[in-house]
Amino acid sequence: MDAVIAALKGITVDNGYQTNVVTVSEELKHWEEMAFTDFPACFPIDADEVKEQSAITRMQSRLTVIVTSMVHDHKTAPHRGNANESMRLARTNLLRDVEKALMNDTTLAGLDVFTTPRRVVTDKGNIPNYSIFDQEFEILYHYTRLNGG
């Protein structure tokens, strides 16, 4: 997870992304409890993991990682016509940036890794000026049995 967090913290315009991620934490916060200056935010968690032996001394593991991301547009009033467009663009940019960050680091801290995006769950309802969504990834990595996973 340290490598996932580091990859997400690297999401900045200076690093070639569309978004400057401000907050990255494994401690999920409620959007109403966050200051405007804490957005955009990414909250990665490691979910299920399936392990299997791939050779006598090698193991492989499939780790599910879910990144809950939040964007906020406090500059556009919700009653204006372009508020939804602005939020949609901010959400789309962050969706792409999170996927790019996790897909482009093929070693994730030196492990032999293959990352697959599995699904995206976007907003369930309408929260004016906010967009909250989950991205699920499966990370396949190999390690030596004696070192643990």
Foldseek 3Di string as FASTA:
>chain_A
DVLLQVLLCPADVVNPAPDNQQEEECDDDDPVPDDLNNPFYKHKDKDDKDKDAPDPFKIKMKIKMKIKTKHFDPPDDLVDPCQVVVQVVVVVRVVVSSCCSVQVPCQSVNWRKHKDWDDKAWDDDDDGRMIIIMTMMIIMTMDTNVVPD
